[in-house]
């Protein structure tokens, strides 16, 4: 098997695995958020400042999760571009060698 194709398949597998794991993690976090929000709505003893802090905590968590996903996607794209550029250059050098 061609090493480039094998690497491409490995990269695709890793990206798919990451995307599926990230989706599962996101679903769990959203479910946890719903539970926390339900608890806060029913907690009349919790002061408004406490509710605000929990809301900010949830927003920070979401923002961090989104930034992490963007960073990973960007880096997967960079690796894919690097190897596609490498493949193009190696193809060009093979073409010029045969002439």
PDB file of N, CA and C in Angstrom:
ATOM      1  N   UNK A   1       0.845  -1.191   0.000  1.00  0.00           N
ATOM      2  CA  UNK A   1       0.000   0.000   0.000  1.00  0.00           C
ATOM      3  C   UNK A   1       0.884   1.246   0.000  1.00  0.00           C
ATOM      4  N   UNK A   2       0.492   2.220  -0.750  1.00  0.00           N
ATOM      5  CA  UNK A   2       1.208   3.482  -0.846  1.00  0.00           C
ATOM      6  C   UNK A   2       1.199   4.178   0.519  1.00  0.00           C
ATOM      7  N   UNK A   3       2.365   4.645   0.949  1.00  0.00           N
ATOM      8  CA  UNK A   3       2.469   5.282   2.268  1.00  0.00           C
ATOM      9  C   UNK A   3       1.616   6.540   2.369  1.00  0.00           C
ATOM     10  N   UNK A   4       1.546   7.294   1.292  1.00  0.00           N
ATOM     11  CA  UNK A   4       0.761   8.532   1.317  1.00  0.00           C
ATOM     12  C   UNK A   4      -0.721   8.221   1.507  1.00  0.00           C
ATOM     13  N   UNK A   5      -1.187   7.198   0.798  1.00  0.00           N
ATOM     14  CA  UNK A   5      -2.595   6.825   0.925  1.00  0.00           C
ATOM     15  C   UNK A   5      -2.872   6.271   2.325  1.00  0.00           C
ATOM     16  N   UNK A   6      -1.923   5.502   2.851  1.00  0.00           N
ATOM     17  CA  UNK A   6      -2.089   4.960   4.197  1.00  0.00           C
ATOM     18  C   UNK A   6      -2.146   6.101   5.220  1.00  0.00           C
ATOM     19  N   UNK A   7      -1.268   7.085   5.069  1.00  0.00           N
ATOM     20  CA  UNK A   7      -1.282   8.222   5.986  1.00  0.00           C
ATOM     21  C   UNK A   7      -2.590   8.991   5.876  1.00  0.00           C
ATOM     22  N   UNK A   8      -3.060   9.180   4.653  1.00  0.00           N
ATOM     23  CA  UNK A   8      -4.339   9.887   4.434  1.00  0.00           C
ATOM     24  C   UNK A   8      -5.478   9.136   5.125  1.00  0.00           C
ATOM     25  N   UNK A   9      -5.494   7.826   5.018  1.00  0.00           N
ATOM     26  CA  UNK A   9      -6.529   7.031   5.668  1.00  0.00           C
ATOM     27  C   UNK A   9      -6.430   7.135   7.187  1.00  0.00           C
ATOM     28  N   UNK A  10      -5.190   7.118   7.708  1.00  0.00           N
ATOM     29  CA  UNK A  10      -5.006   7.271   9.157  1.00  0.00           C
ATOM     30  C   UNK A  10      -5.505   8.637   9.620  1.00  0.00           C
ATOM     31  N   UNK A  11      -5.175   9.663   8.865  1.00  0.00           N
ATOM     32  CA  UNK A  11      -5.599  11.020   9.218  1.00  0.00           C
ATOM     33  C   UNK A  11      -7.120  11.140   9.177  1.00  0.00           C
ATOM     34  N   UNK A  12      -7.730  10.581   8.136  1.00  0.00           N
ATOM     35  CA  UNK A  12      -9.197  10.600   8.040  1.00  0.00           C
ATOM     36  C   UNK A  12      -9.832   9.858   9.210  1.00  0.00           C
ATOM     37  N   UNK A  13      -9.245   8.725   9.575  1.00  0.00           N
ATOM     38  CA  UNK A  13      -9.765   7.953  10.707  1.00  0.00           C
ATOM     39  C   UNK A  13      -9.660   8.754  12.001  1.00  0.00           C
ATOM     40  N   UNK A  14      -8.512   9.380  12.222  1.00  0.00           N
ATOM     41  CA  UNK A  14      -8.327  10.175  13.439  1.00  0.00           C
ATOM     42  C   UNK A  14      -9.286  11.356  13.486  1.00  0.00           C
ATOM     43  N   UNK A  15      -9.487  12.010  12.356  1.00  0.00           N
ATOM     44  CA  UNK A  15     -10.418  13.148  12.314  1.00  0.00           C
ATOM     45  C   UNK A  15     -11.840  12.682  12.597  1.00  0.00           C
ATOM     46  N   UNK A  16     -12.240  11.583  11.984  1.00  0.00           N
ATOM     47  CA  UNK A  16     -13.585  11.048  12.218  1.00  0.00           C
ATOM     48  C   UNK A  16     -13.761  10.650  13.679  1.00  0.00           C
ATOM     49  N   UNK A  17     -12.745   9.991  14.238  1.00  0.00           N
ATOM     50  CA  UNK A  17     -12.800   9.598  15.646  1.00  0.00           C
ATOM     51  C   UNK A  17     -12.914  10.820  16.545  1.00  0.00           C
ATOM     52  N   UNK A  18     -12.113  11.846  16.267  1.00  0.00           N
ATOM     53  CA  UNK A  18     -12.188  13.069  17.064  1.00  0.00           C
ATOM     54  C   UNK A  18     -13.568  13.707  16.955  1.00  0.00           C
ATOM     55  N   UNK A  19     -14.072  13.837  15.722  1.00  0.00           N
ATOM     56  CA  UNK A  19     -15.375  14.474  15.519  1.00  0.00           C
ATOM     57  C   UNK A  19     -16.483  13.726  16.255  1.00  0.00           C
ATOM     58  N   UNK A  20     -16.468  12.397  16.186  1.00  0.00           N
ATOM     59  CA  UNK A  20     -17.492  11.604  16.882  1.00  0.00           C
ATOM     60  C   UNK A  20     -17.363  11.732  18.395  1.00  0.00           C
ATOM     61  N   UNK A  21     -16.141  11.679  18.894  1.00  0.00           N
ATOM     62  CA  UNK A  21     -15.921  11.825  20.343  1.00  0.00           C
ATOM     63  C   UNK A  21     -16.321  13.218  20.816  1.00  0.00           C
ATOM     64  N   UNK A  22     -15.978  14.218  20.023  1.00  0.00           N
ATOM     65  CA  UNK A  22     -16.315  15.593  20.382  1.00  0.00           C
ATOM     66  C   UNK A  22     -17.829  15.785  20.402  1.00  0.00           C
ATOM     67  N   UNK A  23     -18.516  15.185  19.443  1.00  0.00           N
ATOM     68  CA  UNK A  23     -19.984  15.284  19.413  1.00  0.00           C
ATOM     69  C   UNK A  23     -20.602  14.625  20.641  1.00  0.00           C
ATOM     70  N   UNK A  24     -20.072  13.471  21.034  1.00  0.00           N
ATOM     71  CA  UNK A  24     -20.584  12.789  22.227  1.00  0.00           C
ATOM     72  C   UNK A  24     -20.319  13.625  23.476  1.00  0.00           C
ATOM     73  N   UNK A  25     -19.126  14.190  23.571  1.00  0.00           N
ATOM     74  CA  UNK A  25     -18.790  15.037  24.718  1.00  0.00           C
ATOM     75  C   UNK A  25     -19.693  16.269  24.763  1.00  0.00           C
ATOM     76  N   UNK A  26     -19.944  16.865  23.618  1.00  0.00           N
ATOM     77  CA  UNK A  26     -20.811  18.039  23.548  1.00  0.00           C
ATOM     78  C   UNK A  26     -22.223  17.697  24.001  1.00  0.00           C
ATOM     79  N   UNK A  27     -22.724  16.543  23.568  1.00  0.00           N
ATOM     80  CA  UNK A  27     -24.070  16.120  23.978  1.00  0.00           C
ATOM     81  C   UNK A  27     -24.137  15.930  25.498  1.00  0.00           C
ATOM     82  N   UNK A  28     -23.109  15.338  26.084  1.00  0.00           N
ATOM     83  CA  UNK A  28     -23.085  15.156  27.539  1.00  0.00           C
ATOM     84  C   UNK A  28     -23.029  16.503  28.262  1.00  0.00           C
ATOM     85  N   UNK A  29     -22.222  17.418  27.748  1.00  0.00           N
ATOM     86  CA  UNK A  29     -22.120  18.728  28.381  1.00  0.00           C
ATOM     87  C   UNK A  29     -23.429  19.494  28.274  1.00  0.00           C
ATOM     88  N   UNK A  30     -24.090  19.396  27.143  1.00  0.00           N
ATOM     89  CA  UNK A  30     -25.368  20.094  26.985  1.00  0.00           C
ATOM     90  C   UNK A  30     -26.424  19.505  27.910  1.00  0.00           C
ATOM     91  N   UNK A  31     -26.399  18.195  28.084  1.00  0.00           N
ATOM     92  CA  UNK A  31     -27.339  17.559  29.018  1.00  0.00           C
ATOM     93  C   UNK A  31     -27.055  18.016  30.450  1.00  0.00           C
ATOM     94  N   UNK A  32     -25.780  18.090  30.793  1.00  0.00           N
ATOM     95  CA  UNK A  32     -25.402  18.596  32.117  1.00  0.00           C
ATOM     96  C   UNK A  32     -25.835  20.029  32.314  1.00  0.00           C
ATOM     97  N   UNK A  33     -25.706  20.831  31.269  1.00  0.00           N
ATOM     98  CA  UNK A  33     -26.135  22.231  31.332  1.00  0.00           C
ATOM     99  C   UNK A  33     -27.637  22.325  31.591  1.00  0.00           C
ATOM    100  N   UNK A  34     -28.400  21.494  30.913  1.00  0.00           N
ATOM    101  CA  UNK A  34     -29.855  21.491  31.132  1.00  0.00           C
ATOM    102  C   UNK A  34     -30.192  21.123  32.572  1.00  0.00           C
ATOM    103  N   UNK A  35     -29.481  20.146  33.106  1.00  0.00           N
ATOM    104  CA  UNK A  35     -29.727  19.737  34.494  1.00  0.00           C
ATOM    105  C   UNK A  35     -29.391  20.864  35.461  1.00  0.00           C
ATOM    106  N   UNK A  36     -28.267  21.525  35.225  1.00  0.00           N
ATOM    107  CA  UNK A  36     -27.855  22.628  36.103  1.00  0.00           C
ATOM    108  C   UNK A  36     -28.862  23.770  36.008  1.00  0.00           C
ATOM    109  N   UNK A  37     -29.299  24.102  34.798  1.00  0.00           N
ATOM    110  CA  UNK A  37     -30.273  25.182  34.630  1.00  0.00           C
ATOM    111  C   UNK A  37     -31.597  24.853  35.313  1.00  0.00           C
ATOM    112  N   UNK A  38     -32.036  23.603  35.222  1.00  0.00           N
ATOM    113  CA  UNK A  38     -33.272  23.189  35.893  1.00  0.00           C
ATOM    114  C   UNK A  38     -33.113  23.323  37.407  1.00  0.00           C
ATOM    115  N   UNK A  39     -31.966  22.883  37.915  1.00  0.00           N
ATOM    116  CA  UNK A  39     -31.697  22.989  39.352  1.00  0.00           C
ATOM    117  C   UNK A  39     -31.697  24.447  39.796  1.00  0.00           C
ATOM    118  N   UNK A  40     -31.047  25.309  39.012  1.00  0.00           N
ATOM    119  CA  UNK A  40     -30.970  26.734  39.378  1.00  0.00           C
ATOM    120  C   UNK A  40     -32.352  27.376  39.362  1.00  0.00           C
ATOM    121  N   UNK A  41     -33.166  27.047  38.366  1.00  0.00           N
ATOM    122  CA  UNK A  41     -34.512  27.617  38.290  1.00  0.00           C
ATOM    123  C   UNK A  41     -35.361  27.219  39.497  1.00  0.00           C
ATOM    124  N   UNK A  42     -35.125  26.030  40.008  1.00  0.00           N
ATOM    125  CA  UNK A  42     -35.920  25.541  41.137  1.00  0.00           C
ATOM    126  C   UNK A  42     -35.327  25.918  42.489  1.00  0.00           C
ATOM    127  N   UNK A  43     -34.135  26.480  42.487  1.00  0.00           N
ATOM    128  CA  UNK A  43     -33.463  26.852  43.736  1.00  0.00           C
ATOM    129  C   UNK A  43     -33.749  28.317  44.050  1.00  0.00           C
ATOM    130  N   UNK A  44     -34.821  28.525  44.777  1.00  0.00           N
ATOM    131  CA  UNK A  44     -35.192  29.897  45.118  1.00  0.00           C
ATOM    132  C   UNK A  44     -34.274  30.494  46.173  1.00  0.00           C
ATOM    133  N   UNK A  45     -33.552  29.654  46.892  1.00  0.00           N
ATOM    134  CA  UNK A  45     -32.646  30.124  47.927  1.00  0.00           C
ATOM    135  C   UNK A  45     -31.331  30.648  47.359  1.00  0.00           C
ATOM    136  N   UNK A  46     -31.037  30.321  46.069  1.00  0.00           N
ATOM    137  CA  UNK A  46     -29.783  30.752  45.461  1.00  0.00           C
ATOM    138  C   UNK A  46     -29.896  32.218  45.045  1.00  0.00           C
ATOM    139  N   UNK A  47     -28.970  33.056  45.520  1.00  0.00           N
ATOM    140  CA  UNK A  47     -29.057  34.488  45.176  1.00  0.00           C
ATOM    141  C   UNK A  47     -28.784  34.717  43.682  1.00  0.00           C
ATOM    142  N   UNK A  48     -29.269  35.834  43.162  1.00  0.00           N
ATOM    143  CA  UNK A  48     -29.062  36.148  41.733  1.00  0.00           C
ATOM    144  C   UNK A  48     -27.583  36.175  41.328  1.00  0.00           C
ATOM    145  N   UNK A  49     -26.720  36.600  42.255  1.00  0.00           N
ATOM    146  CA  UNK A  49     -25.282  36.626  41.941  1.00  0.00           C
ATOM    147  C   UNK A  49     -24.766  35.207  41.692  1.00  0.00           C
ATOM    148  N   UNK A  50     -25.250  34.262  42.474  1.00  0.00           N
ATOM    149  CA  UNK A  50     -24.847  32.865  42.287  1.00  0.00           C
ATOM    150  C   UNK A  50     -25.327  32.314  40.955  1.00  0.00           C
ATOM    151  N   UNK A  51     -26.560  32.663  40.582  1.00  0.00           N
ATOM    152  CA  UNK A  51     -27.090  32.232  39.297  1.00  0.00           C
ATOM    153  C   UNK A  51     -26.286  32.840  38.151  1.00  0.00           C
ATOM    154  N   UNK A  52     -25.877  34.106  38.335  1.00  0.00           N
ATOM    155  CA  UNK A  52     -25.088  34.774  37.314  1.00  0.00           C
ATOM    156  C   UNK A  52     -23.730  34.100  37.151  1.00  0.00           C
ATOM    157  N   UNK A  53     -23.112  33.724  38.256  1.00  0.00           N
ATOM    158  CA  UNK A  53     -21.805  33.065  38.212  1.00  0.00           C
ATOM    159  C   UNK A  53     -21.910  31.722  37.483  1.00  0.00           C
ATOM    160  N   UNK A  54     -22.949  30.968  37.773  1.00  0.00           N
ATOM    161  CA  UNK A  54     -23.142  29.680  37.100  1.00  0.00           C
ATOM    162  C   UNK A  54     -23.361  29.894  35.600  1.00  0.00           C
ATOM    163  N   UNK A  55     -24.131  30.917  35.242  1.00  0.00           N
ATOM    164  CA  UNK A  55     -24.342  31.233  33.829  1.00  0.00           C
ATOM    165  C   UNK A  55     -23.043  31.594  33.126  1.00  0.00           C
ATOM    166  N   UNK A  56     -22.206  32.388  33.792  1.00  0.00           N
ATOM    167  CA  UNK A  56     -20.912  32.757  33.228  1.00  0.00           C
ATOM    168  C   UNK A  56     -20.007  31.536  33.092  1.00  0.00           C
ATOM    169  N   UNK A  57     -20.064  30.644  34.067  1.00  0.00           N
ATOM    170  CA  UNK A  57     -19.276  29.419  34.034  1.00  0.00           C
ATOM    171  C   UNK A  57     -19.685  28.563  32.826  1.00  0.00           C
ATOM    172  N   UNK A  58     -20.979  28.440  32.607  1.00  0.00           N
ATOM    173  CA  UNK A  58     -21.484  27.664  31.468  1.00  0.00           C
ATOM    174  C   UNK A  58     -21.043  28.303  30.149  1.00  0.00           C
ATOM    175  N   UNK A  59     -21.143  29.623  30.060  1.00  0.00           N
ATOM    176  CA  UNK A  59     -20.716  30.319  28.832  1.00  0.00           C
ATOM    177  C   UNK A  59     -19.219  30.171  28.580  1.00  0.00           C
ATOM    178  N   UNK A  60     -18.422  30.232  29.651  1.00  0.00           N
ATOM    179  CA  UNK A  60     -16.968  30.056  29.508  1.00  0.00           C
ATOM    180  C   UNK A  60     -16.662  28.636  29.028  1.00  0.00           C
ATOM    181  N   UNK A  61     -17.383  27.680  29.552  1.00  0.00           N
ATOM    182  CA  UNK A  61     -17.189  26.291  29.153  1.00  0.00           C
ATOM    183  C   UNK A  61     -17.515  26.111  27.670  1.00  0.00           C
ATOM    184  N   UNK A  62     -18.628  26.688  27.228  1.00  0.00           N
ATOM    185  CA  UNK A  62     -19.021  26.594  25.815  1.00  0.00           C
ATOM    186  C   UNK A  62     -17.983  27.267  24.917  1.00  0.00           C
ATOM    187  N   UNK A  63     -17.542  28.438  25.317  1.00  0.00           N
ATOM    188  CA  UNK A  63     -16.556  29.180  24.535  1.00  0.00           C
ATOM    189  C   UNK A  63     -15.254  28.398  24.424  1.00  0.00           C
ATOM    190  N   UNK A  64     -14.798  27.832  25.516  1.00  0.00           N
ATOM    191  CA  UNK A  64     -13.582  27.030  25.506  1.00  0.00           C
ATOM    192  C   UNK A  64     -13.722  25.807  24.613  1.00  0.00           C
ATOM    193  N   UNK A  65     -14.877  25.179  24.671  1.00  0.00           N
ATOM    194  CA  UNK A  65     -15.141  23.996  23.840  1.00  0.00           C
ATOM    195  C   UNK A  65     -15.121  24.370  22.356  1.00  0.00           C
ATOM    196  N   UNK A  66     -15.756  25.479  22.010  1.00  0.00           N
ATOM    197  CA  UNK A  66     -15.787  25.922  20.611  1.00  0.00           C
ATOM    198  C   UNK A  66     -14.390  26.305  20.116  1.00  0.00           C
ATOM    199  N   UNK A  67     -13.617  26.985  20.961  1.00  0.00           N
ATOM    200  CA  UNK A  67     -12.254  27.360  20.582  1.00  0.00           C
ATOM    201  C   UNK A  67     -11.380  26.125  20.386  1.00  0.00           C
ATOM    202  N   UNK A  68     -11.547  25.138  21.256  1.00  0.00           N
ATOM    203  CA  UNK A  68     -10.790  23.896  21.135  1.00  0.00           C
ATOM    204  C   UNK A  68     -11.114  23.207  19.811  1.00  0.00           C
ATOM    205  N   UNK A  69     -12.396  23.128  19.472  1.00  0.00           N
ATOM    206  CA  UNK A  69     -12.823  22.481  18.227  1.00  0.00           C
ATOM    207  C   UNK A  69     -12.252  23.220  17.017  1.00  0.00           C
ATOM    208  N   UNK A  70     -12.306  24.554  17.038  1.00  0.00           N
ATOM    209  CA  UNK A  70     -11.756  25.337  15.928  1.00  0.00           C
ATOM    210  C   UNK A  70     -10.253  25.091  15.780  1.00  0.00           C
ATOM    211  N   UNK A  71      -9.540  25.044  16.891  1.00  0.00           N
ATOM    212  CA  UNK A  71      -8.100  24.822  16.862  1.00  0.00           C
ATOM    213  C   UNK A  71      -7.770  23.454  16.289  1.00  0.00           C
ATOM    214  N   UNK A  72      -8.474  22.436  16.741  1.00  0.00           N
ATOM    215  CA  UNK A  72      -8.215  21.084  16.237  1.00  0.00           C
ATOM    216  C   UNK A  72      -8.546  20.998  14.746  1.00  0.00           C
ATOM    217  N   UNK A  73      -9.675  21.560  14.342  1.00  0.00           N
ATOM    218  CA  UNK A  73     -10.045  21.542  12.916  1.00  0.00           C
ATOM    219  C   UNK A  73      -9.008  22.275  12.061  1.00  0.00           C
ATOM    220  N   UNK A  74      -8.536  23.406  12.552  1.00  0.00           N
ATOM    221  CA  UNK A  74      -7.514  24.171  11.837  1.00  0.00           C
ATOM    222  C   UNK A  74      -6.242  23.350  11.682  1.00  0.00           C
ATOM    223  N   UNK A  75      -5.837  22.673  12.742  1.00  0.00           N
ATOM    224  CA  UNK A  75      -4.610  21.893  12.677  1.00  0.00           C
ATOM    225  C   UNK A  75      -4.765  20.646  11.811  1.00  0.00           C
ATOM    226  N   UNK A  76      -5.934  20.023  11.824  1.00  0.00           N
ATOM    227  CA  UNK A  76      -6.164  18.917  10.892  1.00  0.00           C
ATOM    228  C   UNK A  76      -6.053  19.420   9.450  1.00  0.00           C
ATOM    229  N   UNK A  77      -6.614  20.584   9.184  1.00  0.00           N
ATOM    230  CA  UNK A  77      -6.548  21.152   7.835  1.00  0.00           C
ATOM    231  C   UNK A  77      -5.098  21.448   7.439  1.00  0.00           C
ATOM    232  N   UNK A  78      -4.303  21.943   8.388  1.00  0.00           N
ATOM    233  CA  UNK A  78      -2.893  22.229   8.097  1.00  0.00           C
ATOM    234  C   UNK A  78      -2.134  20.953   7.759  1.00  0.00           C
ATOM    235  N   UNK A  79      -2.384  19.899   8.516  1.00  0.00           N
ATOM    236  CA  UNK A  79      -1.699  18.630   8.253  1.00  0.00           C
ATOM    237  C   UNK A  79      -2.121  18.080   6.893  1.00  0.00           C
ATOM    238  N   UNK A  80      -3.411  18.141   6.594  1.00  0.00           N
ATOM    239  CA  UNK A  80      -3.881  17.665   5.293  1.00  0.00           C
ATOM    240  C   UNK A  80      -3.257  18.480   4.157  1.00  0.00           C
ATOM    241  N   UNK A  81      -3.175  19.792   4.333  1.00  0.00           N
ATOM    242  CA  UNK A  81      -2.579  20.652   3.301  1.00  0.00           C
ATOM    243  C   UNK A  81      -1.096  20.342   3.151  1.00  0.00           C
ATOM    244  N   UNK A  82      -0.403  20.164   4.259  1.00  0.00           N
ATOM    245  CA  UNK A  82       1.023  19.851   4.212  1.00  0.00           C
ATOM    246  C   UNK A  82       1.268  18.590   3.389  1.00  0.00           C
ATOM    247  N   UNK A  83       0.501  17.555   3.650  1.00  0.00           N
ATOM    248  CA  UNK A  83       0.733  16.312   2.935  1.00  0.00           C
ATOM    249  C   UNK A  83       0.223  16.355   1.499  1.00  0.00           C
ATOM    250  N   UNK A  84      -0.795  17.140   1.231  1.00  0.00           N
ATOM    251  CA  UNK A  84      -1.227  17.272  -0.164  1.00  0.00           C
ATOM    252  C   UNK A  84      -0.195  18.083  -0.946  1.00  0.00           C
ATOM    253  N   UNK A  85       0.395  19.117  -0.311  1.00  0.00           N
ATOM    254  CA  UNK A  85       1.468  19.878  -0.955  1.00  0.00           C
ATOM    255  C   UNK A  85       2.689  18.992  -1.176  1.00  0.00           C
ATOM    256  N   UNK A  86       3.011  18.190  -0.189  1.00  0.00           N
ATOM    257  CA  UNK A  86       4.147  17.274  -0.280  1.00  0.00           C
ATOM    258  C   UNK A  86       3.932  16.277  -1.417  1.00  0.00           C
ATOM    259  N   UNK A  87       2.705  15.774  -1.513  1.00  0.00           N
ATOM    260  CA  UNK A  87       2.379  14.820  -2.572  1.00  0.00           C
ATOM    261  C   UNK A  87       2.486  15.490  -3.943  1.00  0.00           C
ATOM    262  N   UNK A  88       2.014  16.720  -4.051  1.00  0.00           N
ATOM    263  CA  UNK A  88       2.101  17.453  -5.316  1.00  0.00           C
ATOM    264  C   UNK A  88       3.555  17.670  -5.722  1.00  0.00           C
ATOM    265  N   UNK A  89       4.380  18.063  -4.759  1.00  0.00           N
ATOM    266  CA  UNK A  89       5.794  18.313  -5.052  1.00  0.00           C
ATOM    267  C   UNK A  89       6.512  17.024  -5.434  1.00  0.00           C
ATOM    268  N   UNK A  90       6.198  15.935  -4.766  1.00  0.00           N
ATOM    269  CA  UNK A  90       6.854  14.676  -5.100  1.00  0.00           C
ATOM    270  C   UNK A  90       6.389  14.187  -6.469  1.00  0.00           C
ATOM    271  N   UNK A  91       5.123  14.460  -6.818  1.00  0.00           N
ATOM    272  CA  UNK A  91       4.617  14.094  -8.134  1.00  0.00           C
ATOM    273  C   UNK A  91       5.319  14.917  -9.218  1.00  0.00           C
ATOM    274  N   UNK A  92       5.502  16.223  -8.940  1.00  0.00           N
ATOM    275  CA  UNK A  92       6.178  17.095  -9.904  1.00  0.00           C
ATOM    276  C   UNK A  92       7.624  16.666 -10.112  1.00  0.00           C
ATOM    277  N   UNK A  93       8.305  16.295  -9.017  1.00  0.00           N
ATOM    278  CA  UNK A  93       9.705  15.882  -9.151  1.00  0.00           C
ATOM    279  C   UNK A  93       9.807  14.560  -9.891  1.00  0.00           C
ATOM    280  N   UNK A  94       8.858  13.661  -9.722  1.00  0.00           N
ATOM    281  CA  UNK A  94       8.858  12.408 -10.461  1.00  0.00           C
ATOM    282  C   UNK A  94       8.620  12.664 -11.942  1.00  0.00           C
ATOM    283  N   UNK A  95       7.747  13.621 -12.235  1.00  0.00           N
ATOM    284  CA  UNK A  95       7.453  13.966 -13.638  1.00  0.00           C
ATOM    285  C   UNK A  95       8.662  14.567 -14.318  1.00  0.00           C
ATOM    286  N   UNK A  96       9.373  15.432 -13.624  1.00  0.00           N
ATOM    287  CA  UNK A  96      10.553  16.056 -14.200  1.00  0.00           C
ATOM    288  C   UNK A  96      11.705  15.063 -14.317  1.00  0.00           C
ATOM    289  N   UNK A  97      11.781  14.078 -13.422  1.00  0.00           N
ATOM    290  CA  UNK A  97      12.809  13.053 -13.487  1.00  0.00           C
ATOM    291  C   UNK A  97      12.616  12.154 -14.703  1.00  0.00           C
ATOM    292  N   UNK A  98      11.377  11.910 -15.088  1.00  0.00           N
ATOM    293  CA  UNK A  98      11.101  11.013 -16.197  1.00  0.00           C
ATOM    294  C   UNK A  98      11.314  11.674 -17.550  1.00  0.00           C
ATOM    295  N   UNK A  99      11.434  12.990 -17.577  1.00  0.00           N
ATOM    296  CA  UNK A  99      11.617  13.700 -18.840  1.00  0.00           C
ATOM    297  C   UNK A  99      13.021  13.676 -19.314  1.00  0.00           C
TER     298      UNK A  99
END
